[in-house]
Amino acid sequence: MKKYFKYIMLGMVVMASSSCKDYLDINTNPNSLTSATPALVLPQAITGAASITNTFSQTFSDFAGYQANAGGFGGFGAVVTYDFGTGTGAGLWTATYDNANDFQYIIDNTADDASLTFSTSIARIMKSFAFERLVNQYNDVPYSDALKATASLTPKYDKAEDVYKACIAELDNAIAAIAAGQANAATQTIVATSDPLFGGNMDLWKKFANTVKLRMLIKMAGVPAQAAYATTAFAGMNTTLGFLTTDAINQPGYVKTERPSPIYSSLGFSGTGTNVNTSRIPTKWIFSFYNGTKLSDPARASIIYRSYPSTPINQLGDESTGVPAALSAGSAWFTGNNAATSLPGVVKGPTQGQPVMLAAESYFLQAEAYARGYLTGNAETAFNAGITESFTYLYKDATGAIAAGKNVAADVATYKTENATSPLVNFTLATTLPLKIEAIITQKYIALNMINNDEAFNEFRRTGFPKVQNGSLDPLLTFASRQSVSTHVDKLPTRILYPQVEYDLNPANAPAGINKFSSLIFWDLN
């Protein structure tokens, strides 16, 4: 029975960060089904999803062009060649299914009680969020036949686009159910302590669901076979409800020593003060969007990177003599020392909340929807709001307050002035649809830097932006590794592989013949 754990386990939140494991596990016996109440499972499952968000991000930091190997280390192997196997990213699959099982457990145990509709709806939203991320990396996945405990030990695989459609239906269901629940005095409220993501604010849950739906529909709309479905869905979209205008940040009460924030544990220091990122440094490619090569952005760069502009940088796969080592003082992505507890930037401190989705991404999604005519709205206004929200998030410290001495409005104005001749910043110069989309996706790429790396790589695969020169070895023209063995035109992987456990335990259904350089996610037409 244990070997089928990922499909039958309902109570265990398998965490992406080992430092959080004991704090977040619902059960300690991996062979036992949960006996916890849905009220107990919900906050821990949400926190589990946030931790997995960080693991998705860190897994794709090299693929997305944000991170390279540092000098003084060897043996990077598949990290720099992309010749990886079924073990790469395998934890994403297992952890996501375990987490989805927790949300399914909540649904199964609350759906028949109308007074618990908020709990049911949150679980539906988070389950859909989980499967959206799985599809974005694996394409076809078990969905309709999964999460059924012993009733389905070898689930069939559903087509990726069908999983997307099912998730969108779940999101619509959840939005409608929350609205109905808000109109019913008998509905049990979600107290702030039971909701580490939105503090029980059901309006924010509806906006989050609508934003995830928007992200999925935009990906579908570019696929000819899915365009009609997307057009109908866009026409029925609740634009009065709107989308996220604030960051979705999970904060269950992270503590430096016992349970530090996942992103801090990955990019800063461990709970005991050990520098955890000595083998990685930023890329020359990403620095070109800050140091004046492509764009000038010292305000954000100086709080993201330690010792900017003198931060050691490299091109992925360059292991030649002279490649700089990481800074001995600490991670390139944390500007403070081990004692610092609250700083602006990507890595803010051990108690910072874990970002799940940024408001900046929400606005860039809206900008694309408006530019392409999917929805009615002003693309330039949304684009500019996305830039402002990126500054706003980065300027906040670990407490969520704008750091002392930081002025978002003034620095955004300076950024626009210093890049006034670039259509990547000055949207009025983006006079064609391709230029508009390039500007939107490039700014999204900058905003997601080391925060949601997987989504940045998703968008590159979908749109081809930021623009690279295929086949080049110039670190300013491509972020592909110098040692890439990829046969794809851009020398990058097109996907990760299904974990070996699928071929071992579900061989009749696991897709065969998957190629990491030519098998595409359904929305990837490049």
Protein backbone atom coordinates (compact mmCIF):
# COMPACT_ATOMS: atom_id res chain seq x y z
CA MET A 1 0.00 0.00 0.00
CA LYS A 2 2.81 2.39 0.83
CA LYS A 3 4.08 2.44 -2.76
CA TYR A 4 0.79 3.99 -3.87
CA PHE A 5 1.15 6.73 -1.28
CA LYS A 6 0.88 9.67 -3.66
CA TYR A 7 -2.61 8.63 -4.71
CA ILE A 8 -4.12 7.36 -1.48
CA MET A 9 -2.60 9.54 1.20
CA LEU A 10 -5.16 12.09 2.31
CA GLY A 11 -3.73 13.61 5.40
CA MET A 12 -0.06 14.20 4.92
CA VAL A 13 1.14 17.52 3.61
CA VAL A 14 4.45 16.65 1.98
CA MET A 15 6.47 19.80 2.27
CA ALA A 16 8.90 21.17 -0.24
CA SER A 17 11.10 22.62 2.45
CA SER A 18 12.49 20.17 4.95
CA SER A 19 12.89 22.94 7.52
CA CYS A 20 9.12 23.30 7.64
CA LYS A 21 8.27 19.60 7.65
CA ASP A 22 7.51 18.95 11.32
CA TYR A 23 5.66 22.22 11.65
CA LEU A 24 3.35 21.52 8.75
CA ASP A 25 2.74 17.77 8.71
CA ILE A 26 -0.80 16.77 9.58
CA ASN A 27 0.09 13.14 10.27
CA THR A 28 3.33 11.54 11.39
CA ASN A 29 2.47 8.02 10.21
CA PRO A 30 2.72 7.93 6.39
CA ASN A 31 0.57 4.80 6.20
CA SER A 32 -2.38 6.31 8.04
CA LEU A 33 -5.28 8.20 6.56
CA THR A 34 -6.04 11.52 8.11
CA SER A 35 -8.23 11.77 11.15
CA ALA A 36 -7.86 15.54 11.36
CA THR A 37 -10.85 17.80 10.93
CA PRO A 38 -11.11 19.88 7.74
CA ALA A 39 -10.68 23.00 9.87
CA LEU A 40 -7.26 21.75 10.92
CA VAL A 41 -6.25 20.46 7.51
CA LEU A 42 -7.12 23.66 5.61
CA PRO A 43 -4.51 26.11 6.97
CA GLN A 44 -1.77 23.51 6.85
CA ALA A 45 -2.69 22.50 3.30
CA ILE A 46 -2.59 26.16 2.22
CA THR A 47 0.82 26.56 3.81
CA GLY A 48 1.90 23.34 2.12
CA ALA A 49 0.83 24.76 -1.24
CA ALA A 50 2.84 27.92 -0.56
CA SER A 51 5.94 25.89 0.25
CA ILE A 52 5.47 23.89 -2.95
CA THR A 53 5.18 27.20 -4.81
CA ASN A 54 8.70 27.98 -3.66
CA THR A 55 9.93 24.56 -4.75
CA PHE A 56 8.47 25.03 -8.23
CA SER A 57 10.21 28.39 -8.40
CA GLN A 58 13.61 27.15 -7.25
CA THR A 59 13.43 24.12 -9.57
CA PHE A 60 13.19 26.38 -12.61
CA SER A 61 15.63 29.14 -11.59
CA ASP A 62 18.35 27.77 -13.91
CA PHE A 63 15.98 27.00 -16.81
CA ALA A 64 14.48 30.49 -16.61
CA GLY A 65 17.79 32.32 -16.88
CA TYR A 66 17.93 33.83 -13.42
CA GLN A 67 20.68 31.71 -11.84
CA ALA A 68 24.03 30.24 -12.89
CA ASN A 69 26.78 28.11 -11.45
CA ALA A 70 29.36 29.89 -9.29
CA GLY A 71 33.11 29.45 -9.52
CA GLY A 72 34.87 27.11 -7.15
CA PHE A 73 32.40 24.29 -7.68
CA GLY A 74 32.27 21.43 -10.14
CA GLY A 75 30.08 18.50 -10.99
CA PHE A 76 27.05 20.50 -12.11
CA GLY A 77 26.31 17.83 -14.71
CA ALA A 78 22.71 17.89 -15.90
CA VAL A 79 22.19 21.33 -14.37
CA VAL A 80 24.34 22.81 -17.13
CA THR A 81 23.81 20.25 -19.91
CA TYR A 82 20.04 19.84 -19.46
CA ASP A 83 20.59 16.11 -19.96
CA PHE A 84 18.45 15.33 -16.94
CA GLY A 85 16.39 12.24 -16.26
CA THR A 86 13.18 11.29 -14.54
CA GLY A 87 14.51 12.32 -11.14
CA THR A 88 14.63 16.03 -11.95
CA GLY A 89 11.59 17.72 -10.48
CA ALA A 90 10.13 14.41 -9.28
CA GLY A 91 9.37 15.94 -5.90
CA LEU A 92 7.10 18.49 -7.57
CA TRP A 93 4.84 15.68 -8.77
CA THR A 94 4.67 13.82 -5.48
CA ALA A 95 4.29 16.88 -3.29
CA THR A 96 1.60 18.38 -5.51
CA TYR A 97 -0.52 15.22 -5.52
CA ASP A 98 -0.16 14.88 -1.77
CA ASN A 99 -1.19 18.50 -1.36
CA ALA A 100 -4.11 18.10 -3.78
CA ASN A 101 -5.22 15.09 -1.75
CA ASP A 102 -5.43 17.29 1.32
CA PHE A 103 -7.68 19.72 -0.51
CA GLN A 104 -9.77 16.84 -1.84
CA TYR A 105 -10.16 15.58 1.72
CA ILE A 106 -11.54 18.98 2.71
CA ILE A 107 -13.94 18.98 -0.25
CA ASP A 108 -15.15 15.46 0.53
CA ASN A 109 -15.79 16.33 4.16
CA THR A 110 -17.42 19.74 3.74
CA ALA A 111 -19.28 19.75 0.41
CA ASP A 112 -22.49 18.34 1.88
CA ASP A 113 -22.70 21.03 4.55
CA ALA A 114 -23.81 24.36 3.09
CA SER A 115 -22.58 26.21 6.15
CA LEU A 116 -19.01 25.13 5.28
CA THR A 117 -19.11 26.42 1.73
CA PHE A 118 -16.17 28.77 2.31
CA SER A 119 -13.91 25.88 3.29
CA THR A 120 -15.12 23.82 0.33
CA SER A 121 -14.56 26.70 -2.07
CA ILE A 122 -11.07 27.50 -0.84
CA ALA A 123 -10.15 23.84 -1.26
CA ARG A 124 -11.56 23.82 -4.81
CA ILE A 125 -9.53 26.92 -5.68
CA MET A 126 -6.30 25.54 -4.28
CA LYS A 127 -6.82 22.14 -5.87
CA SER A 128 -7.25 23.87 -9.25
CA PHE A 129 -4.17 25.97 -8.59
CA ALA A 130 -2.22 22.77 -7.90
CA PHE A 131 -3.30 21.05 -11.11
CA GLU A 132 -2.67 24.15 -13.21
CA ARG A 133 0.95 24.04 -12.10
CA LEU A 134 1.23 20.31 -12.79
CA VAL A 135 -0.09 20.73 -16.33
CA ASN A 136 2.30 23.62 -16.96
CA GLN A 137 5.27 21.31 -16.41
CA TYR A 138 4.01 17.83 -17.33
CA ASN A 139 1.15 18.40 -19.82
CA ASP A 140 -1.19 15.38 -19.53
CA VAL A 141 -1.70 14.29 -15.90
CA PRO A 142 -4.09 12.09 -13.89
CA TYR A 143 -7.04 14.26 -12.86
CA SER A 144 -10.53 12.80 -13.22
CA ASP A 145 -9.34 9.39 -12.00
CA ALA A 146 -6.95 10.70 -9.34
CA LEU A 147 -7.43 11.58 -5.65
CA LYS A 148 -9.77 8.62 -5.17
CA ALA A 149 -7.77 6.65 -2.61
CA THR A 150 -7.88 2.90 -3.16
CA ALA A 151 -10.68 3.22 -5.71
CA SER A 152 -8.13 4.20 -8.35
CA LEU A 153 -4.56 3.05 -7.75
CA THR A 154 -3.52 3.38 -11.41
CA PRO A 155 -5.36 6.47 -12.63
CA LYS A 156 -5.70 7.30 -16.28
CA TYR A 157 -4.09 10.43 -17.68
CA ASP A 158 -6.33 13.27 -18.83
CA LYS A 159 -5.46 15.57 -21.71
CA ALA A 160 -3.83 18.75 -20.46
CA GLU A 161 -6.45 21.02 -22.00
CA ASP A 162 -9.23 18.97 -20.41
CA VAL A 163 -7.61 19.35 -16.99
CA TYR A 164 -7.43 23.09 -17.57
CA LYS A 165 -11.13 23.18 -18.46
CA ALA A 166 -12.07 21.13 -15.41
CA CYS A 167 -10.06 23.43 -13.17
CA ILE A 168 -11.69 26.51 -14.68
CA ALA A 169 -15.10 24.97 -13.99
CA GLU A 170 -14.01 24.38 -10.38
CA LEU A 171 -12.88 27.99 -10.08
CA ASP A 172 -16.22 29.22 -11.43
CA ASN A 173 -18.02 26.93 -9.00
CA ALA A 174 -15.96 28.25 -6.10
CA ILE A 175 -16.50 31.90 -7.00
CA ALA A 176 -20.26 31.40 -7.25
CA ALA A 177 -20.39 29.38 -4.04
CA ILE A 178 -18.47 32.01 -2.10
CA ALA A 179 -20.81 34.72 -3.36
CA ALA A 180 -23.81 32.65 -2.29
CA GLY A 181 -22.22 31.96 1.06
CA GLN A 182 -21.58 35.64 1.65
CA ALA A 183 -25.30 36.24 1.21
CA ASN A 184 -26.22 33.53 3.72
CA ALA A 185 -25.98 34.36 7.42
CA ALA A 186 -25.67 30.66 8.26
CA THR A 187 -22.34 30.33 6.46
CA GLN A 188 -19.45 29.74 8.84
CA THR A 189 -16.78 32.39 8.45
CA ILE A 190 -13.13 31.55 7.97
CA VAL A 191 -11.23 33.10 10.84
CA ALA A 192 -7.96 34.81 10.04
CA THR A 193 -5.90 32.21 11.90
CA SER A 194 -7.34 29.46 9.70
CA ASP A 195 -6.38 31.23 6.48
CA PRO A 196 -2.68 32.10 6.24
CA LEU A 197 -3.07 33.31 2.66
CA PHE A 198 -5.92 35.85 2.80
CA GLY A 199 -6.83 36.02 6.48
CA GLY A 200 -10.42 34.91 5.88
CA ASN A 201 -11.13 37.63 3.30
CA MET A 202 -13.42 35.81 0.89
CA ASP A 203 -13.45 38.70 -1.58
CA LEU A 204 -9.71 38.15 -2.02
CA TRP A 205 -10.27 34.44 -2.52
CA LYS A 206 -12.71 35.22 -5.34
CA LYS A 207 -10.21 37.60 -6.95
CA PHE A 208 -7.43 35.05 -6.61
CA ALA A 209 -9.61 32.40 -8.29
CA ASN A 210 -10.49 34.84 -11.07
CA THR A 211 -6.80 35.67 -11.58
CA VAL A 212 -5.77 32.02 -11.79
CA LYS A 213 -8.59 31.52 -14.29
CA LEU A 214 -7.34 34.50 -16.31
CA ARG A 215 -3.84 33.04 -16.40
CA MET A 216 -5.17 29.73 -17.69
CA LEU A 217 -7.44 31.27 -20.30
CA ILE A 218 -4.66 33.43 -21.71
CA LYS A 219 -2.54 30.33 -22.21
CA MET A 220 -5.44 28.51 -23.86
CA ALA A 221 -6.45 31.39 -26.11
CA GLY A 222 -3.27 31.16 -28.15
CA VAL A 223 -3.90 27.52 -29.05
CA PRO A 224 -6.04 27.35 -32.22
CA ALA A 225 -7.94 24.27 -31.05
CA GLN A 226 -8.80 25.96 -27.74
CA ALA A 227 -9.50 29.47 -29.02
CA ALA A 228 -13.28 29.03 -29.30
CA TYR A 229 -13.51 27.72 -25.74
CA ALA A 230 -11.37 30.59 -24.46
CA THR A 231 -13.42 33.18 -26.34
CA THR A 232 -16.62 31.91 -24.75
CA ALA A 233 -15.00 31.79 -21.32
CA PHE A 234 -13.66 35.32 -21.65
CA ALA A 235 -17.10 36.55 -22.69
CA GLY A 236 -18.57 35.13 -19.49
CA MET A 237 -15.77 36.28 -17.21
CA ASN A 238 -16.76 38.22 -14.11
CA THR A 239 -14.83 41.42 -14.73
CA THR A 240 -16.92 43.23 -12.12
CA LEU A 241 -15.33 40.96 -9.53
CA GLY A 242 -11.95 41.83 -10.97
CA PHE A 243 -8.54 40.39 -10.22
CA LEU A 244 -5.88 40.54 -7.56
CA THR A 245 -4.65 44.03 -6.78
CA THR A 246 -2.61 42.95 -3.76
CA ASP A 247 0.03 40.26 -3.43
CA ALA A 248 -1.08 36.77 -2.40
CA ILE A 249 1.36 36.10 0.45
CA ASN A 250 1.17 33.10 2.76
CA GLN A 251 2.06 33.92 6.36
CA PRO A 252 1.39 31.18 8.92
CA GLY A 253 3.88 32.65 11.37
CA TYR A 254 7.32 31.80 10.04
CA VAL A 255 10.05 31.82 12.69
CA LYS A 256 13.79 32.09 12.06
CA THR A 257 15.09 29.00 13.83
CA GLU A 258 12.22 26.51 13.86
CA ARG A 259 10.35 27.29 10.66
CA PRO A 260 11.80 30.06 8.48
CA SER A 261 10.09 31.22 5.32
CA PRO A 262 10.65 28.78 2.43
CA ILE A 263 12.08 31.40 0.07
CA TYR A 264 14.47 32.61 2.77
CA SER A 265 15.55 29.03 3.49
CA SER A 266 16.25 28.51 -0.22
CA LEU A 267 18.05 31.75 -1.00
CA GLY A 268 19.24 33.22 2.28
CA PHE A 269 20.37 31.38 5.37
CA SER A 270 19.21 28.28 7.16
CA GLY A 271 17.49 28.57 10.51
CA THR A 272 20.84 27.98 12.19
CA GLY A 273 22.60 30.69 10.19
CA THR A 274 24.28 28.65 7.45
CA ASN A 275 24.61 30.28 4.03
CA VAL A 276 22.53 27.96 1.84
CA ASN A 277 23.40 29.31 -1.61
CA THR A 278 27.17 29.22 -2.06
CA SER A 279 27.19 27.40 -5.41
CA ARG A 280 24.90 29.76 -7.34
CA ILE A 281 25.15 33.35 -8.55
CA PRO A 282 22.95 35.50 -10.83
CA THR A 283 23.32 35.40 -14.60
CA LYS A 284 24.80 38.00 -16.88
CA TRP A 285 21.52 37.73 -18.79
CA ILE A 286 19.26 38.85 -15.95
CA PHE A 287 21.71 41.58 -14.94
CA SER A 288 21.33 43.11 -18.40
CA PHE A 289 17.79 44.13 -17.44
CA TYR A 290 19.15 46.16 -14.53
CA ASN A 291 22.65 47.44 -15.33
CA GLY A 292 21.89 49.53 -18.40
CA THR A 293 22.71 46.96 -21.06
CA LYS A 294 19.06 46.43 -21.95
CA LEU A 295 17.38 48.50 -19.25
CA SER A 296 18.54 50.62 -16.34
CA ASP A 297 17.04 49.64 -12.99
CA PRO A 298 19.49 50.20 -10.12
CA ALA A 299 16.68 50.80 -7.62
CA ARG A 300 15.32 47.27 -7.74
CA ALA A 301 18.67 45.63 -8.42
CA SER A 302 20.29 47.17 -5.34
CA ILE A 303 17.75 45.55 -3.02
CA ILE A 304 17.57 42.22 -4.85
CA TYR A 305 21.31 41.57 -5.13
CA ARG A 306 24.05 41.69 -2.52
CA SER A 307 26.77 44.23 -3.37
CA TYR A 308 25.11 45.35 -6.61
CA PRO A 309 26.50 46.32 -9.12
CA SER A 310 29.57 44.30 -8.09
CA THR A 311 27.63 41.09 -7.46
CA PRO A 312 29.42 38.07 -8.97
CA ILE A 313 27.62 36.94 -12.14
CA ASN A 314 28.09 34.21 -14.73
CA GLN A 315 26.51 32.45 -17.69
CA LEU A 316 25.02 29.05 -16.94
CA GLY A 317 27.43 26.35 -18.04
CA ASP A 318 30.55 28.50 -18.02
CA GLU A 319 32.92 26.53 -15.79
CA SER A 320 36.09 28.12 -17.08
CA THR A 321 38.88 29.48 -14.94
CA GLY A 322 38.04 32.91 -13.68
CA VAL A 323 34.33 32.38 -13.07
CA PRO A 324 33.70 34.29 -9.84
CA ALA A 325 32.84 32.51 -6.63
CA ALA A 326 29.78 33.42 -4.61
CA LEU A 327 30.25 36.12 -2.01
CA SER A 328 31.45 34.74 1.29
CA ALA A 329 29.25 37.13 3.26
CA GLY A 330 26.09 35.40 2.12
CA SER A 331 23.72 34.65 -0.72
CA ALA A 332 23.71 36.92 -3.77
CA TRP A 333 19.97 37.34 -3.24
CA PHE A 334 20.05 38.59 0.35
CA THR A 335 21.48 42.02 1.07
CA GLY A 336 21.71 41.62 4.83
CA ASN A 337 23.75 39.54 7.21
CA ASN A 338 22.55 36.56 9.19
CA ALA A 339 21.28 38.74 12.02
CA ALA A 340 19.18 40.93 9.75
CA THR A 341 15.51 40.12 10.10
CA SER A 342 13.63 42.60 7.96
CA LEU A 343 14.91 43.99 4.66
CA PRO A 344 13.40 44.86 1.27
CA GLY A 345 14.11 42.71 -1.77
CA VAL A 346 13.30 39.18 -2.90
CA VAL A 347 14.79 37.68 0.25
CA LYS A 348 13.56 39.84 3.09
CA GLY A 349 14.25 37.78 6.18
CA PRO A 350 13.39 34.47 7.86
CA THR A 351 9.94 35.63 8.96
CA GLN A 352 8.82 36.97 5.57
CA GLY A 353 5.65 35.63 4.01
CA GLN A 354 5.92 33.20 1.11
CA PRO A 355 4.71 34.77 -2.16
CA VAL A 356 2.16 32.65 -4.02
CA MET A 357 1.09 35.14 -6.70
CA LEU A 358 2.13 38.76 -7.06
CA ALA A 359 -0.20 41.63 -7.84
CA ALA A 360 2.34 42.58 -10.51
CA GLU A 361 1.63 39.32 -12.33
CA SER A 362 -2.10 39.94 -12.06
CA TYR A 363 -1.74 43.33 -13.73
CA PHE A 364 0.50 42.00 -16.50
CA LEU A 365 -2.06 39.27 -17.18
CA GLN A 366 -4.73 41.94 -17.44
CA ALA A 367 -2.52 44.01 -19.72
CA GLU A 368 -2.13 41.09 -22.12
CA ALA A 369 -5.84 40.31 -22.05
CA TYR A 370 -6.64 43.93 -22.88
CA ALA A 371 -3.95 44.21 -25.56
CA ARG A 372 -5.16 41.08 -27.34
CA GLY A 373 -8.81 42.08 -27.05
CA TYR A 374 -9.78 39.18 -24.83
CA LEU A 375 -11.23 41.60 -22.28
CA THR A 376 -12.15 45.26 -22.38
CA GLY A 377 -9.69 47.50 -20.59
CA ASN A 378 -6.65 49.75 -20.92
CA ALA A 379 -3.49 47.72 -21.52
CA GLU A 380 -1.14 50.62 -20.83
CA THR A 381 -2.76 51.37 -17.47
CA ALA A 382 -2.50 47.73 -16.40
CA PHE A 383 1.08 47.52 -17.69
CA ASN A 384 2.15 50.54 -15.67
CA ALA A 385 0.35 49.19 -12.61
CA GLY A 386 2.32 45.96 -12.98
CA ILE A 387 5.61 47.84 -12.85
CA THR A 388 4.47 49.83 -9.82
CA GLU A 389 3.33 46.70 -7.98
CA SER A 390 6.68 45.02 -8.65
CA PHE A 391 8.48 47.94 -7.00
CA THR A 392 5.94 47.88 -4.19
CA TYR A 393 6.47 44.21 -3.37
CA LEU A 394 10.24 44.45 -3.51
CA TYR A 395 10.31 47.59 -1.37
CA LYS A 396 8.45 45.86 1.44
CA ASP A 397 10.40 44.33 4.29
CA ALA A 398 9.67 41.06 6.08
CA THR A 399 6.81 42.67 8.01
CA GLY A 400 5.03 43.71 4.83
CA ALA A 401 5.70 47.42 5.32
CA ILE A 402 7.53 49.67 2.86
CA ALA A 403 11.11 49.84 4.11
CA ALA A 404 12.38 53.09 5.55
CA GLY A 405 13.78 55.44 2.92
CA LYS A 406 12.00 53.75 0.01
CA ASN A 407 9.65 55.74 -2.22
CA VAL A 408 7.80 53.62 -4.77
CA ALA A 409 6.26 56.46 -6.77
CA ALA A 410 9.51 58.41 -7.05
CA ASP A 411 11.58 55.41 -8.09
CA VAL A 412 9.01 54.20 -10.63
CA ALA A 413 9.06 57.68 -12.16
CA THR A 414 12.86 57.58 -12.31
CA TYR A 415 12.76 54.13 -13.90
CA LYS A 416 10.43 55.37 -16.61
CA THR A 417 12.55 58.46 -17.23
CA GLU A 418 15.81 56.51 -17.46
CA ASN A 419 14.23 54.07 -19.93
CA ALA A 420 12.02 56.53 -21.79
CA THR A 421 13.27 55.43 -25.21
CA SER A 422 12.63 51.73 -24.63
CA PRO A 423 9.26 50.20 -25.58
CA LEU A 424 9.93 47.63 -22.87
CA VAL A 425 9.20 50.39 -20.33
CA ASN A 426 7.54 53.21 -22.29
CA PHE A 427 4.40 51.44 -23.46
CA THR A 428 3.43 54.26 -25.84
CA LEU A 429 6.38 53.21 -28.01
CA ALA A 430 5.00 49.68 -28.28
CA THR A 431 2.91 50.52 -31.34
CA THR A 432 2.20 46.99 -32.59
CA LEU A 433 0.69 43.98 -30.86
CA PRO A 434 3.99 42.02 -30.94
CA LEU A 435 5.77 44.97 -29.30
CA LYS A 436 3.05 45.26 -26.67
CA ILE A 437 3.25 41.56 -25.81
CA GLU A 438 7.05 41.71 -25.70
CA ALA A 439 6.91 44.63 -23.27
CA ILE A 440 4.30 42.96 -21.06
CA ILE A 441 6.03 39.58 -20.86
CA THR A 442 9.48 41.11 -20.42
CA GLN A 443 8.29 43.23 -17.51
CA LYS A 444 6.58 40.17 -16.04
CA TYR A 445 9.87 38.29 -16.39
CA ILE A 446 11.63 41.04 -14.44
CA ALA A 447 8.91 41.11 -11.77
CA LEU A 448 9.00 37.32 -11.25
CA ASN A 449 12.81 37.19 -10.92
CA MET A 450 13.63 34.58 -8.23
CA ILE A 451 10.05 34.77 -6.91
CA ASN A 452 8.01 32.67 -9.36
CA ASN A 453 10.68 31.38 -11.74
CA ASP A 454 8.53 28.56 -13.06
CA GLU A 455 5.86 30.94 -14.32
CA ALA A 456 8.49 33.12 -15.97
CA PHE A 457 9.77 30.05 -17.82
CA ASN A 458 6.20 29.09 -18.71
CA GLU A 459 5.66 32.48 -20.29
CA PHE A 460 8.94 32.34 -22.19
CA ARG A 461 7.95 28.97 -23.65
CA ARG A 462 4.50 30.29 -24.54
CA THR A 463 5.50 33.64 -26.05
CA GLY A 464 9.22 33.56 -26.82
CA PHE A 465 9.79 36.60 -24.60
CA PRO A 466 12.10 37.93 -23.34
CA LYS A 467 13.56 37.65 -26.81
CA VAL A 468 16.67 35.48 -27.21
CA GLN A 469 18.94 34.86 -30.17
CA ASN A 470 18.66 31.17 -30.90
CA GLY A 471 21.99 29.37 -31.05
CA SER A 472 24.02 32.24 -29.63
CA LEU A 473 26.60 31.74 -26.89
CA ASP A 474 26.54 35.43 -25.97
CA PRO A 475 25.29 35.67 -22.36
CA LEU A 476 23.50 38.91 -23.20
CA LEU A 477 21.61 37.37 -26.11
CA THR A 478 20.48 34.09 -24.55
CA PHE A 479 20.12 32.45 -21.17
CA ALA A 480 20.67 28.92 -22.50
CA SER A 481 23.58 27.07 -20.94
CA ARG A 482 26.90 27.09 -22.75
CA GLN A 483 26.96 23.31 -22.30
CA SER A 484 23.40 22.68 -23.47
CA VAL A 485 22.77 19.44 -25.33
CA SER A 486 19.19 20.44 -26.12
CA THR A 487 18.12 19.94 -29.71
CA HIS A 488 15.38 22.55 -29.42
CA VAL A 489 15.88 25.68 -31.47
CA ASP A 490 16.57 27.85 -28.42
CA LYS A 491 18.86 25.20 -26.85
CA LEU A 492 16.60 25.00 -23.79
CA PRO A 493 14.48 22.17 -22.40
CA THR A 494 10.83 22.20 -23.37
CA ARG A 495 9.63 20.36 -20.25
CA ILE A 496 10.64 18.05 -17.41
CA LEU A 497 9.98 14.32 -17.52
CA TYR A 498 7.40 12.29 -15.65
CA PRO A 499 8.92 10.80 -12.49
CA GLN A 500 10.13 7.22 -12.73
CA VAL A 501 7.58 6.13 -10.14
CA GLU A 502 4.86 6.67 -12.74
CA TYR A 503 6.46 4.20 -15.14
CA ASP A 504 7.05 1.77 -12.28
CA LEU A 505 3.58 1.87 -10.73
CA ASN A 506 1.30 3.10 -13.51
CA PRO A 507 2.98 1.87 -16.71
CA ALA A 508 -0.22 1.25 -18.64
CA ASN A 509 -1.20 4.90 -18.38
CA ALA A 510 2.01 6.93 -18.06
CA PRO A 511 2.74 8.55 -21.45
CA ALA A 512 5.62 6.95 -23.32
CA GLY A 513 8.12 8.57 -25.64
CA ILE A 514 8.35 11.90 -23.82
CA ASN A 515 11.34 13.96 -24.96
CA LYS A 516 12.60 16.83 -22.83
CA PHE A 517 13.72 18.76 -25.92
CA SER A 518 10.79 18.23 -28.27
CA SER A 519 7.66 17.26 -26.30
CA LEU A 520 5.69 20.45 -25.72
CA ILE A 521 3.13 21.59 -23.18
CA PHE A 522 -0.16 22.09 -25.02
CA TRP A 523 0.05 25.90 -24.88
CA ASP A 524 3.66 25.97 -26.16
CA LEU A 525 3.54 26.62 -29.90
CA ASN A 526 7.20 27.66 -30.24
